[in-house]
Amino acid sequence: MIAPLPMKRTLLAILLGLVAVTGLVVGYRAYKQAADRALAEQRAAVQLAQIKEHEAELARRTAAIREARRMAEARALEEVARQERQREELNALYVALTRARHTLAISSSEPHRAAPRSWWQRLTQSGLLQSVPSLPLPRVANAVSARGLFDLQELPLAPVPAPAVAKSDADPVEARIGKAMHR
């Protein structure tokens, strides 16, 4: 059976409408898939940026920890070196105090910065230097620095010891060598 022409046109219009709707559905699905892909890519990009930011923060913190450790090690090494210098100064003072035969001359100038644990401060705090008289130093005429800030001072001449008289009980050779080594 053949349909009359108006009916054919109506069927054709319905078919074209169905094809258009089907095309819209297919197009919508393609659009939806593309939109989903774009959203997934955007989320991945955001996550990647967050990971990179986290890695950068971790690197900054790691560098800060390394720097703090390096500074702590440097301070510890400085403290060890300071203690070694102080020990050497005290050893030198001990040797000077215990090896002096007749006279021990100690002089000092005001330090550039305070050193409360220096050997000089220990001597002054102990009271040992209070019983020692200080000698007035005469000023030397016309001895001025290039800037004219201070006069040079001169120590008085030390008395010349009398020639030693040979002792009858002379030290043995080993003792004389030992004394010569420790002067």
N, C-alpha and C. Protein backbone atom coordinates (compact mmCIF):
# COMPACT_ATOMS: atom_id res chain seq x y z
N MET A 1 0.81 -1.15 0.00
CA MET A 1 0.00 0.00 0.00
C MET A 1 0.88 1.23 0.00
N ILE A 2 0.47 2.11 -0.82
CA ILE A 2 1.23 3.34 -1.01
C ILE A 2 0.45 4.45 -0.32
N ALA A 3 1.14 5.17 0.46
CA ALA A 3 0.50 6.25 1.21
C ALA A 3 0.33 7.46 0.32
N PRO A 4 -0.76 8.17 0.57
CA PRO A 4 -0.94 9.37 -0.23
C PRO A 4 0.17 10.38 0.07
N LEU A 5 0.36 11.29 -0.77
CA LEU A 5 1.43 12.27 -0.73
C LEU A 5 1.43 13.10 0.56
N PRO A 6 0.30 13.61 1.01
CA PRO A 6 0.38 14.38 2.25
C PRO A 6 0.85 13.53 3.43
N MET A 7 0.47 12.29 3.39
CA MET A 7 0.87 11.44 4.47
C MET A 7 2.38 11.16 4.39
N LYS A 8 2.88 11.03 3.17
CA LYS A 8 4.30 10.81 2.97
C LYS A 8 5.09 12.00 3.51
N ARG A 9 4.56 13.17 3.22
CA ARG A 9 5.25 14.36 3.70
C ARG A 9 5.24 14.40 5.23
N THR A 10 4.17 14.01 5.82
CA THR A 10 4.08 14.03 7.28
C THR A 10 5.04 13.01 7.85
N LEU A 11 5.07 11.81 7.27
CA LEU A 11 6.00 10.79 7.74
C LEU A 11 7.45 11.25 7.56
N LEU A 12 7.69 11.86 6.43
CA LEU A 12 9.04 12.36 6.17
C LEU A 12 9.42 13.42 7.19
N ALA A 13 8.49 14.30 7.53
CA ALA A 13 8.76 15.34 8.53
C ALA A 13 9.01 14.71 9.89
N ILE A 14 8.24 13.66 10.22
CA ILE A 14 8.43 12.98 11.51
C ILE A 14 9.79 12.30 11.52
N LEU A 15 10.15 11.64 10.41
CA LEU A 15 11.45 10.98 10.34
C LEU A 15 12.60 12.00 10.46
N LEU A 16 12.44 13.11 9.77
CA LEU A 16 13.48 14.14 9.86
C LEU A 16 13.56 14.68 11.29
N GLY A 17 12.41 14.81 11.93
CA GLY A 17 12.40 15.25 13.32
C GLY A 17 13.09 14.25 14.23
N LEU A 18 12.84 12.94 13.99
CA LEU A 18 13.50 11.90 14.78
C LEU A 18 15.01 11.90 14.54
N VAL A 19 15.40 12.08 13.31
CA VAL A 19 16.83 12.14 12.98
C VAL A 19 17.46 13.35 13.66
N ALA A 20 16.77 14.44 13.65
CA ALA A 20 17.30 15.65 14.30
C ALA A 20 17.44 15.44 15.80
N VAL A 21 16.40 14.82 16.40
CA VAL A 21 16.45 14.54 17.84
C VAL A 21 17.57 13.57 18.13
N THR A 22 17.70 12.55 17.29
CA THR A 22 18.78 11.58 17.46
C THR A 22 20.13 12.27 17.33
N GLY A 23 20.24 13.18 16.38
CA GLY A 23 21.48 13.94 16.22
C GLY A 23 21.77 14.80 17.43
N LEU A 24 20.71 15.37 17.97
CA LEU A 24 20.88 16.18 19.19
C LEU A 24 21.35 15.31 20.35
N VAL A 25 20.77 14.13 20.46
CA VAL A 25 21.16 13.22 21.55
C VAL A 25 22.61 12.81 21.37
N VAL A 26 22.96 12.44 20.16
CA VAL A 26 24.35 12.05 19.88
C VAL A 26 25.27 13.25 20.12
N GLY A 27 24.87 14.40 19.65
CA GLY A 27 25.68 15.61 19.85
C GLY A 27 25.80 15.97 21.32
N TYR A 28 24.71 15.79 22.05
CA TYR A 28 24.75 16.07 23.49
C TYR A 28 25.70 15.10 24.19
N ARG A 29 25.63 13.83 23.79
CA ARG A 29 26.54 12.85 24.39
C ARG A 29 27.99 13.21 24.10
N ALA A 30 28.28 13.61 22.88
CA ALA A 30 29.64 14.02 22.53
C ALA A 30 30.05 15.26 23.33
N TYR A 31 29.10 16.20 23.42
CA TYR A 31 29.36 17.41 24.20
C TYR A 31 29.61 17.05 25.66
N LYS A 32 28.78 16.16 26.22
CA LYS A 32 28.90 15.75 27.61
C LYS A 32 30.25 15.06 27.84
N GLN A 33 30.65 14.20 26.93
CA GLN A 33 31.93 13.51 27.05
C GLN A 33 33.09 14.51 26.99
N ALA A 34 33.00 15.45 26.07
CA ALA A 34 34.06 16.47 25.94
C ALA A 34 34.11 17.34 27.19
N ALA A 35 32.93 17.70 27.71
CA ALA A 35 32.89 18.51 28.93
C ALA A 35 33.46 17.72 30.12
N ASP A 36 33.12 16.44 30.22
CA ASP A 36 33.65 15.60 31.29
C ASP A 36 35.17 15.48 31.19
N ARG A 37 35.67 15.30 29.96
CA ARG A 37 37.12 15.24 29.76
C ARG A 37 37.80 16.54 30.16
N ALA A 38 37.21 17.66 29.76
CA ALA A 38 37.78 18.97 30.11
C ALA A 38 37.78 19.18 31.62
N LEU A 39 36.69 18.78 32.29
CA LEU A 39 36.61 18.91 33.74
C LEU A 39 37.65 18.02 34.42
N ALA A 40 37.82 16.80 33.92
CA ALA A 40 38.83 15.88 34.47
C ALA A 40 40.23 16.45 34.28
N GLU A 41 40.50 17.02 33.10
CA GLU A 41 41.82 17.63 32.84
C GLU A 41 42.05 18.83 33.76
N GLN A 42 41.00 19.62 33.97
CA GLN A 42 41.12 20.79 34.85
C GLN A 42 41.40 20.33 36.29
N ARG A 43 40.68 19.30 36.75
CA ARG A 43 40.92 18.77 38.10
C ARG A 43 42.35 18.22 38.22
N ALA A 44 42.80 17.52 37.18
CA ALA A 44 44.16 16.98 37.19
C ALA A 44 45.19 18.11 37.23
N ALA A 45 44.92 19.19 36.50
CA ALA A 45 45.85 20.33 36.50
C ALA A 45 45.89 20.98 37.88
N VAL A 46 44.72 21.10 38.53
CA VAL A 46 44.68 21.68 39.88
C VAL A 46 45.43 20.79 40.86
N GLN A 47 45.21 19.47 40.77
CA GLN A 47 45.91 18.54 41.65
C GLN A 47 47.41 18.58 41.41
N LEU A 48 47.82 18.67 40.15
CA LEU A 48 49.23 18.75 39.83
C LEU A 48 49.84 20.03 40.41
N ALA A 49 49.12 21.13 40.30
CA ALA A 49 49.60 22.40 40.87
C ALA A 49 49.72 22.29 42.39
N GLN A 50 48.75 21.63 43.03
CA GLN A 50 48.81 21.45 44.48
C GLN A 50 49.99 20.57 44.87
N ILE A 51 50.24 19.53 44.10
CA ILE A 51 51.39 18.65 44.37
C ILE A 51 52.69 19.42 44.22
N LYS A 52 52.80 20.23 43.16
CA LYS A 52 54.01 21.02 42.96
C LYS A 52 54.20 22.03 44.09
N GLU A 53 53.12 22.66 44.53
CA GLU A 53 53.17 23.61 45.63
C GLU A 53 53.61 22.91 46.91
N HIS A 54 53.06 21.72 47.15
CA HIS A 54 53.43 20.94 48.33
C HIS A 54 54.92 20.56 48.27
N GLU A 55 55.38 20.13 47.08
CA GLU A 55 56.79 19.79 46.92
C GLU A 55 57.69 21.00 47.16
N ALA A 56 57.28 22.16 46.67
CA ALA A 56 58.07 23.38 46.88
C ALA A 56 58.12 23.73 48.36
N GLU A 57 57.00 23.62 49.06
CA GLU A 57 56.96 23.89 50.51
C GLU A 57 57.84 22.90 51.25
N LEU A 58 57.78 21.65 50.85
CA LEU A 58 58.63 20.62 51.46
C LEU A 58 60.10 20.93 51.22
N ALA A 59 60.44 21.36 50.02
CA ALA A 59 61.82 21.72 49.71
C ALA A 59 62.26 22.93 50.55
N ARG A 60 61.39 23.93 50.72
CA ARG A 60 61.73 25.10 51.56
C ARG A 60 61.96 24.67 53.00
N ARG A 61 61.08 23.83 53.51
CA ARG A 61 61.24 23.37 54.90
C ARG A 61 62.50 22.54 55.07
N THR A 62 62.78 21.68 54.10
CA THR A 62 63.99 20.87 54.16
C THR A 62 65.23 21.76 54.14
N ALA A 63 65.22 22.77 53.30
CA ALA A 63 66.35 23.70 53.24
C ALA A 63 66.48 24.46 54.56
N ALA A 64 65.37 24.85 55.14
CA ALA A 64 65.41 25.56 56.43
C ALA A 64 65.97 24.66 57.52
N ILE A 65 65.56 23.40 57.52
CA ILE A 65 66.08 22.45 58.51
C ILE A 65 67.58 22.24 58.32
N ARG A 66 68.00 22.09 57.07
CA ARG A 66 69.44 21.92 56.79
C ARG A 66 70.22 23.15 57.24
N GLU A 67 69.69 24.33 56.97
CA GLU A 67 70.37 25.57 57.37
C GLU A 67 70.44 25.67 58.89
N ALA A 68 69.35 25.30 59.57
CA ALA A 68 69.35 25.33 61.03
C ALA A 68 70.37 24.35 61.59
N ARG A 69 70.44 23.17 61.00
CA ARG A 69 71.44 22.20 61.45
C ARG A 69 72.85 22.71 61.20
N ARG A 70 73.08 23.30 60.02
CA ARG A 70 74.40 23.82 59.70
C ARG A 70 74.80 24.93 60.67
N MET A 71 73.83 25.81 60.99
CA MET A 71 74.11 26.89 61.93
C MET A 71 74.39 26.34 63.33
N ALA A 72 73.63 25.32 63.75
CA ALA A 72 73.85 24.72 65.06
C ALA A 72 75.23 24.06 65.12
N GLU A 73 75.61 23.38 64.04
CA GLU A 73 76.94 22.77 63.99
C GLU A 73 78.02 23.83 64.02
N ALA A 74 77.82 24.93 63.29
CA ALA A 74 78.81 26.02 63.28
C ALA A 74 78.94 26.63 64.67
N ARG A 75 77.79 26.86 65.35
CA ARG A 75 77.85 27.40 66.72
C ARG A 75 78.57 26.44 67.66
N ALA A 76 78.30 25.14 67.49
CA ALA A 76 78.96 24.15 68.34
C ALA A 76 80.46 24.15 68.08
N LEU A 77 80.86 24.23 66.81
CA LEU A 77 82.29 24.27 66.49
C LEU A 77 82.94 25.54 67.03
N GLU A 78 82.24 26.67 66.92
CA GLU A 78 82.78 27.92 67.48
C GLU A 78 82.95 27.81 68.99
N GLU A 79 81.99 27.19 69.65
CA GLU A 79 82.06 27.03 71.10
C GLU A 79 83.23 26.13 71.47
N VAL A 80 83.43 25.05 70.72
CA VAL A 80 84.56 24.15 70.99
C VAL A 80 85.87 24.90 70.77
N ALA A 81 85.95 25.67 69.70
CA ALA A 81 87.17 26.44 69.43
C ALA A 81 87.40 27.49 70.51
N ARG A 82 86.34 28.14 70.98
CA ARG A 82 86.48 29.14 72.05
C ARG A 82 86.96 28.47 73.33
N GLN A 83 86.41 27.32 73.65
CA GLN A 83 86.84 26.62 74.85
C GLN A 83 88.30 26.17 74.74
N GLU A 84 88.70 25.74 73.55
CA GLU A 84 90.10 25.34 73.34
C GLU A 84 91.03 26.55 73.51
N ARG A 85 90.64 27.71 72.93
CA ARG A 85 91.47 28.91 73.10
C ARG A 85 91.56 29.30 74.57
N GLN A 86 90.45 29.23 75.28
CA GLN A 86 90.43 29.59 76.69
C GLN A 86 91.31 28.62 77.48
N ARG A 87 91.23 27.33 77.15
CA ARG A 87 92.06 26.35 77.83
C ARG A 87 93.54 26.62 77.56
N GLU A 88 93.87 26.97 76.32
CA GLU A 88 95.27 27.28 75.99
C GLU A 88 95.74 28.53 76.74
N GLU A 89 94.88 29.55 76.85
CA GLU A 89 95.25 30.75 77.60
C GLU A 89 95.50 30.42 79.06
N LEU A 90 94.61 29.60 79.63
CA LEU A 90 94.80 29.20 81.03
C LEU A 90 96.04 28.35 81.20
N ASN A 91 96.31 27.48 80.24
CA ASN A 91 97.55 26.68 80.31
C ASN A 91 98.77 27.59 80.25
N ALA A 92 98.73 28.59 79.38
CA ALA A 92 99.85 29.53 79.29
C ALA A 92 100.01 30.31 80.60
N LEU A 93 98.89 30.73 81.20
CA LEU A 93 98.96 31.42 82.48
C LEU A 93 99.52 30.50 83.56
N TYR A 94 99.07 29.26 83.58
CA TYR A 94 99.57 28.30 84.56
C TYR A 94 101.08 28.12 84.41
N VAL A 95 101.54 27.95 83.18
CA VAL A 95 102.97 27.79 82.94
C VAL A 95 103.72 29.03 83.39
N ALA A 96 103.18 30.21 83.06
CA ALA A 96 103.85 31.46 83.46
C ALA A 96 103.91 31.58 84.98
N LEU A 97 102.82 31.24 85.66
CA LEU A 97 102.79 31.38 87.12
C LEU A 97 103.68 30.35 87.82
N THR A 98 103.75 29.16 87.29
CA THR A 98 104.52 28.11 87.96
C THR A 98 105.98 28.07 87.55
N ARG A 99 106.35 28.70 86.45
CA ARG A 99 107.74 28.64 85.98
C ARG A 99 108.54 29.91 86.29
N ALA A 100 107.86 30.94 86.77
CA ALA A 100 108.59 32.18 87.06
C ALA A 100 109.55 31.94 88.21
N ARG A 101 110.82 32.32 88.03
CA ARG A 101 111.83 32.09 89.07
C ARG A 101 111.93 33.27 90.02
N HIS A 102 111.98 34.48 89.47
CA HIS A 102 112.18 35.65 90.32
C HIS A 102 111.00 36.60 90.25
N THR A 103 110.61 36.93 89.03
CA THR A 103 109.58 37.96 88.85
C THR A 103 108.65 37.54 87.72
N LEU A 104 107.39 37.85 87.93
CA LEU A 104 106.40 37.63 86.88
C LEU A 104 105.80 38.98 86.55
N ALA A 105 106.02 39.45 85.34
CA ALA A 105 105.49 40.74 84.90
C ALA A 105 104.21 40.48 84.11
N ILE A 106 103.13 41.12 84.54
CA ILE A 106 101.84 40.99 83.86
C ILE A 106 101.40 42.38 83.47
N SER A 107 100.98 42.52 82.23
CA SER A 107 100.46 43.82 81.79
C SER A 107 99.13 43.57 81.10
N SER A 108 98.38 44.62 80.99
CA SER A 108 97.07 44.47 80.38
C SER A 108 96.66 45.79 79.74
N SER A 109 95.79 45.68 78.78
CA SER A 109 95.14 46.85 78.20
C SER A 109 93.66 46.54 78.17
N GLU A 110 92.86 47.57 78.08
CA GLU A 110 91.42 47.35 78.08
C GLU A 110 91.02 46.64 76.80
N PRO A 111 90.30 45.52 76.93
CA PRO A 111 89.95 44.75 75.74
C PRO A 111 88.90 45.46 74.89
N HIS A 112 88.87 45.07 73.63
CA HIS A 112 87.91 45.63 72.68
C HIS A 112 86.48 45.29 73.10
N ARG A 113 86.27 44.08 73.61
CA ARG A 113 84.96 43.67 74.11
C ARG A 113 85.17 42.88 75.41
N ALA A 114 84.13 42.82 76.19
CA ALA A 114 84.21 42.18 77.49
C ALA A 114 84.48 40.68 77.34
N ALA A 115 85.35 40.16 78.17
CA ALA A 115 85.66 38.74 78.19
C ALA A 115 85.61 38.29 79.65
N PRO A 116 84.44 38.00 80.18
CA PRO A 116 84.30 37.74 81.62
C PRO A 116 85.03 36.49 82.10
N ARG A 117 85.34 35.53 81.24
CA ARG A 117 86.02 34.32 81.68
C ARG A 117 87.48 34.30 81.24
N SER A 118 88.05 35.45 80.89
CA SER A 118 89.45 35.48 80.46
C SER A 118 90.37 35.27 81.67
N TRP A 119 91.62 34.94 81.40
CA TRP A 119 92.55 34.71 82.50
C TRP A 119 92.81 35.99 83.27
N TRP A 120 92.76 37.14 82.59
CA TRP A 120 92.99 38.41 83.28
C TRP A 120 91.84 38.69 84.26
N GLN A 121 90.62 38.45 83.81
CA GLN A 121 89.48 38.65 84.70
C GLN A 121 89.54 37.69 85.88
N ARG A 122 89.98 36.46 85.65
CA ARG A 122 90.11 35.51 86.75
C ARG A 122 91.15 35.96 87.76
N LEU A 123 92.25 36.51 87.27
CA LEU A 123 93.28 37.01 88.19
C LEU A 123 92.78 38.21 88.99
N THR A 124 92.10 39.13 88.32
CA THR A 124 91.63 40.32 89.04
C THR A 124 90.53 39.95 90.03
N GLN A 125 89.68 39.01 89.69
CA GLN A 125 88.61 38.60 90.60
C GLN A 125 89.13 37.79 91.77
N SER A 126 90.24 37.10 91.57
CA SER A 126 90.79 36.28 92.65
C SER A 126 91.45 37.14 93.72
N GLY A 127 91.80 38.36 93.41
CA GLY A 127 92.44 39.24 94.38
C GLY A 127 93.96 39.14 94.36
N LEU A 128 94.53 38.31 93.51
CA LEU A 128 95.98 38.16 93.45
C LEU A 128 96.67 39.43 92.98
N LEU A 129 96.03 40.15 92.09
CA LEU A 129 96.68 41.33 91.52
C LEU A 129 96.54 42.55 92.41
N GLN A 130 95.67 42.52 93.40
CA GLN A 130 95.50 43.68 94.26
C GLN A 130 96.68 43.89 95.19
N SER A 131 97.38 42.81 95.53
CA SER A 131 98.53 42.93 96.42
C SER A 131 99.80 43.28 95.67
N VAL A 132 99.78 43.28 94.38
CA VAL A 132 100.96 43.59 93.58
C VAL A 132 100.98 45.08 93.27
N PRO A 133 102.07 45.75 93.62
CA PRO A 133 102.13 47.19 93.33
C PRO A 133 102.33 47.42 91.84
N SER A 134 101.73 48.47 91.35
CA SER A 134 101.96 48.84 89.96
C SER A 134 102.96 49.98 89.93
N LEU A 135 103.83 49.93 88.97
CA LEU A 135 104.89 50.93 88.86
C LEU A 135 104.40 52.09 88.01
N PRO A 136 104.65 53.31 88.46
CA PRO A 136 104.29 54.44 87.59
C PRO A 136 105.25 54.49 86.41
N LEU A 137 104.71 54.70 85.24
CA LEU A 137 105.54 54.74 84.04
C LEU A 137 105.80 56.20 83.65
N PRO A 138 107.06 56.54 83.48
CA PRO A 138 107.35 57.92 83.07
C PRO A 138 106.95 58.15 81.61
N ARG A 139 106.53 59.34 81.31
CA ARG A 139 106.19 59.69 79.93
C ARG A 139 107.47 60.06 79.19
N VAL A 140 107.53 59.63 77.96
CA VAL A 140 108.68 59.94 77.13
C VAL A 140 108.38 61.23 76.38
N ALA A 141 109.29 62.17 76.45
CA ALA A 141 109.07 63.46 75.80
C ALA A 141 109.04 63.29 74.28
N ASN A 142 108.15 64.04 73.65
CA ASN A 142 108.02 64.10 72.18
C ASN A 142 107.74 62.74 71.54
N ALA A 143 107.15 61.83 72.26
CA ALA A 143 106.79 60.54 71.67
C ALA A 143 105.27 60.52 71.46
N VAL A 144 104.85 61.07 70.34
CA VAL A 144 103.42 61.17 70.05
C VAL A 144 103.16 60.38 68.78
N SER A 145 102.00 59.75 68.73
CA SER A 145 101.67 58.97 67.55
C SER A 145 101.42 59.91 66.37
N ALA A 146 101.26 59.31 65.20
CA ALA A 146 101.02 60.10 63.99
C ALA A 146 99.74 60.92 64.11
N ARG A 147 98.76 60.44 64.82
CA ARG A 147 97.52 61.18 64.97
C ARG A 147 97.56 62.11 66.19
N GLY A 148 98.56 61.94 67.04
CA GLY A 148 98.65 62.78 68.23
C GLY A 148 97.66 62.39 69.31
N LEU A 149 97.27 61.10 69.37
CA LEU A 149 96.27 60.68 70.33
C LEU A 149 96.84 60.24 71.67
N PHE A 150 98.07 59.78 71.70
CA PHE A 150 98.60 59.27 72.97
C PHE A 150 100.11 59.43 73.00
N ASP A 151 100.65 59.36 74.22
CA ASP A 151 102.10 59.37 74.42
C ASP A 151 102.56 57.94 74.63
N LEU A 152 103.70 57.63 74.07
CA LEU A 152 104.27 56.31 74.31
C LEU A 152 104.90 56.30 75.69
N GLN A 153 104.82 55.19 76.37
CA GLN A 153 105.40 55.07 77.69
C GLN A 153 106.53 54.07 77.65
N GLU A 154 107.41 54.22 78.60
CA GLU A 154 108.60 53.39 78.61
C GLU A 154 108.78 52.80 80.00
N LEU A 155 109.14 51.55 80.05
CA LEU A 155 109.40 50.90 81.33
C LEU A 155 110.75 51.37 81.87
N PRO A 156 110.86 51.45 83.20
CA PRO A 156 112.17 51.79 83.74
C PRO A 156 113.15 50.65 83.46
N LEU A 157 114.41 50.98 83.42
CA LEU A 157 115.43 49.97 83.14
C LEU A 157 115.46 48.94 84.26
N ALA A 158 115.57 47.70 83.87
CA ALA A 158 115.65 46.62 84.86
C ALA A 158 117.06 46.59 85.43
N PRO A 159 117.17 46.28 86.71
CA PRO A 159 118.51 46.19 87.28
C PRO A 159 119.27 45.03 86.64
N VAL A 160 120.54 45.26 86.41
CA VAL A 160 121.38 44.23 85.80
C VAL A 160 121.88 43.33 86.93
N PRO A 161 121.61 42.03 86.82
CA PRO A 161 122.07 41.14 87.88
C PRO A 161 123.59 41.03 87.90
N ALA A 162 124.09 40.82 89.09
CA ALA A 162 125.55 40.65 89.24
C ALA A 162 125.93 39.33 88.61
N PRO A 163 127.15 39.25 88.11
CA PRO A 163 127.59 37.99 87.50
C PRO A 163 127.49 36.85 88.52
N ALA A 164 127.04 35.73 88.03
CA ALA A 164 126.87 34.58 88.91
C ALA A 164 128.22 34.03 89.32
N VAL A 165 128.30 33.72 90.59
CA VAL A 165 129.53 33.11 91.11
C VAL A 165 129.37 31.60 90.99
N ALA A 166 130.39 30.96 90.55
CA ALA A 166 130.32 29.52 90.35
C ALA A 166 130.06 28.83 91.69
N LYS A 167 129.10 27.95 91.70
CA LYS A 167 128.77 27.21 92.91
C LYS A 167 129.64 25.96 92.98
N SER A 168 129.90 25.59 94.18
CA SER A 168 130.72 24.39 94.33
C SER A 168 129.89 23.13 94.07
N ASP A 169 128.61 23.20 94.34
CA ASP A 169 127.76 22.04 94.09
C ASP A 169 126.99 22.24 92.77
N ALA A 170 127.68 22.21 91.66
CA ALA A 170 127.10 22.43 90.34
C ALA A 170 126.14 21.29 90.00
N ASP A 171 125.09 21.64 89.22
CA ASP A 171 124.11 20.65 88.81
C ASP A 171 124.73 19.66 87.84
N PRO A 172 124.25 18.43 87.86
CA PRO A 172 124.76 17.47 86.88
C PRO A 172 124.35 17.90 85.46
N VAL A 173 124.96 17.31 84.48
CA VAL A 173 124.73 17.67 83.09
C VAL A 173 123.26 17.47 82.72
N GLU A 174 122.61 16.38 83.16
CA GLU A 174 121.22 16.13 82.82
C GLU A 174 120.31 17.23 83.37
N ALA A 175 120.60 17.70 84.60
CA ALA A 175 119.78 18.75 85.20
C ALA A 175 119.95 20.06 84.44
N ARG A 176 121.18 20.36 84.04
CA ARG A 176 121.41 21.60 83.29
C ARG A 176 120.72 21.56 81.94
N ILE A 177 120.71 20.40 81.28
CA ILE A 177 120.01 20.27 80.00
C ILE A 177 118.51 20.45 80.20
N GLY A 178 117.99 19.83 81.26
CA GLY A 178 116.56 19.97 81.56
C GLY A 178 116.18 21.41 81.84
N LYS A 179 117.02 22.13 82.60
CA LYS A 179 116.75 23.53 82.90
C LYS A 179 116.81 24.37 81.61
N ALA A 180 117.75 24.07 80.75
CA ALA A 180 117.88 24.83 79.51
C ALA A 180 116.67 24.57 78.60
N MET A 181 116.15 23.37 78.63
CA MET A 181 115.00 23.03 77.77
C MET A 181 113.74 23.73 78.23
N HIS A 182 113.62 24.01 79.54
CA HIS A 182 112.37 24.55 80.08
C HIS A 182 112.46 26.04 80.41
N ARG A 183 113.41 26.74 79.89
CA ARG A 183 113.48 28.18 80.11
C ARG A 183 112.60 28.88 79.19
